[in-house]
Amino acid sequence: MSSTADPVHAKPQANKAVVRSFIEAWNTRDFDRFDAVMGEQAVLHIGGGFVPCDPAGTRAIAVEWT
């Protein structure tokens, strides 16, 4: 067993709060809140590829999709 903590699984309630905040920001069109929810270097790992999801990129996607 590793002594290094797994940050993704270490605080599930905190992770849930971030996801809920993102969903609320999206649903209320409060896209400026992405600055607090998304990290500047955030990326999604999808199908072996990477998709940037920094605040500005996420905001652009949200505006386009909504």
Protein backbone atom coordinates (compact mmCIF):
# COMPACT_ATOMS: atom_id res chain seq x y z
CA MET A 1 0.00 0.00 0.00
CA SER A 2 1.32 3.43 -0.92
CA SER A 3 1.75 6.09 1.71
CA THR A 4 0.90 8.80 -0.82
CA ALA A 5 -2.67 10.03 -0.50
CA ASP A 6 -4.86 9.86 -3.58
CA PRO A 7 -6.23 13.43 -3.84
CA VAL A 8 -9.17 12.41 -6.04
CA HIS A 9 -10.49 9.88 -3.56
CA ALA A 10 -9.31 11.55 -0.34
CA LYS A 11 -12.26 13.93 0.01
CA PRO A 12 -15.33 12.69 -1.83
CA GLN A 13 -17.63 15.28 -0.23
CA ALA A 14 -15.36 18.11 -1.40
CA ASN A 15 -15.31 16.61 -4.91
CA LYS A 16 -19.11 16.37 -4.90
CA ALA A 17 -19.33 20.02 -3.84
CA VAL A 18 -17.16 21.06 -6.81
CA VAL A 19 -19.30 19.06 -9.24
CA ARG A 20 -22.50 20.52 -7.79
CA SER A 21 -21.07 24.04 -8.04
CA PHE A 22 -20.16 23.43 -11.69
CA ILE A 23 -23.65 22.12 -12.47
CA GLU A 24 -25.30 25.05 -10.72
CA ALA A 25 -23.07 27.54 -12.57
CA TRP A 26 -23.91 25.87 -15.88
CA ASN A 27 -27.65 25.69 -15.20
CA THR A 28 -27.90 29.30 -14.02
CA ARG A 29 -25.59 30.55 -16.78
CA ASP A 30 -23.23 31.97 -14.11
CA PHE A 31 -20.22 31.16 -16.26
CA ASP A 32 -17.93 33.55 -14.37
CA ARG A 33 -18.07 31.04 -11.51
CA PHE A 34 -15.91 28.70 -13.61
CA ASP A 35 -12.93 30.81 -12.50
CA ALA A 36 -13.42 29.40 -8.99
CA VAL A 37 -14.44 25.88 -10.04
CA MET A 38 -11.99 25.03 -12.85
CA GLY A 39 -8.20 25.04 -12.58
CA GLU A 40 -6.08 26.99 -15.05
CA GLN A 41 -4.30 23.81 -16.16
CA ALA A 42 -7.38 21.55 -16.02
CA VAL A 43 -7.81 18.91 -18.72
CA LEU A 44 -10.24 16.07 -19.32
CA HIS A 45 -8.87 12.69 -20.31
CA ILE A 46 -11.30 11.28 -22.88
CA GLY A 47 -10.76 8.27 -25.10
CA GLY A 48 -6.99 8.47 -24.81
CA GLY A 49 -6.97 12.17 -25.67
CA PHE A 50 -6.91 15.38 -23.70
CA VAL A 51 -9.41 18.23 -23.82
CA PRO A 52 -8.49 21.52 -22.11
CA CYS A 53 -11.10 22.62 -19.59
CA ASP A 54 -9.58 25.72 -18.08
CA PRO A 55 -12.05 28.44 -17.00
CA ALA A 56 -11.93 30.40 -20.28
CA GLY A 57 -12.25 27.28 -22.44
CA THR A 58 -15.07 25.88 -20.33
CA ARG A 59 -16.85 29.24 -20.43
CA ALA A 60 -16.55 29.34 -24.24
CA ILE A 61 -17.99 25.84 -24.53
CA ALA A 62 -20.84 26.69 -22.14
CA VAL A 63 -21.73 29.85 -24.03
CA GLU A 64 -21.70 27.99 -27.37
CA TRP A 65 -23.76 25.05 -26.10
CA THR A 66 -26.33 27.04 -24.19
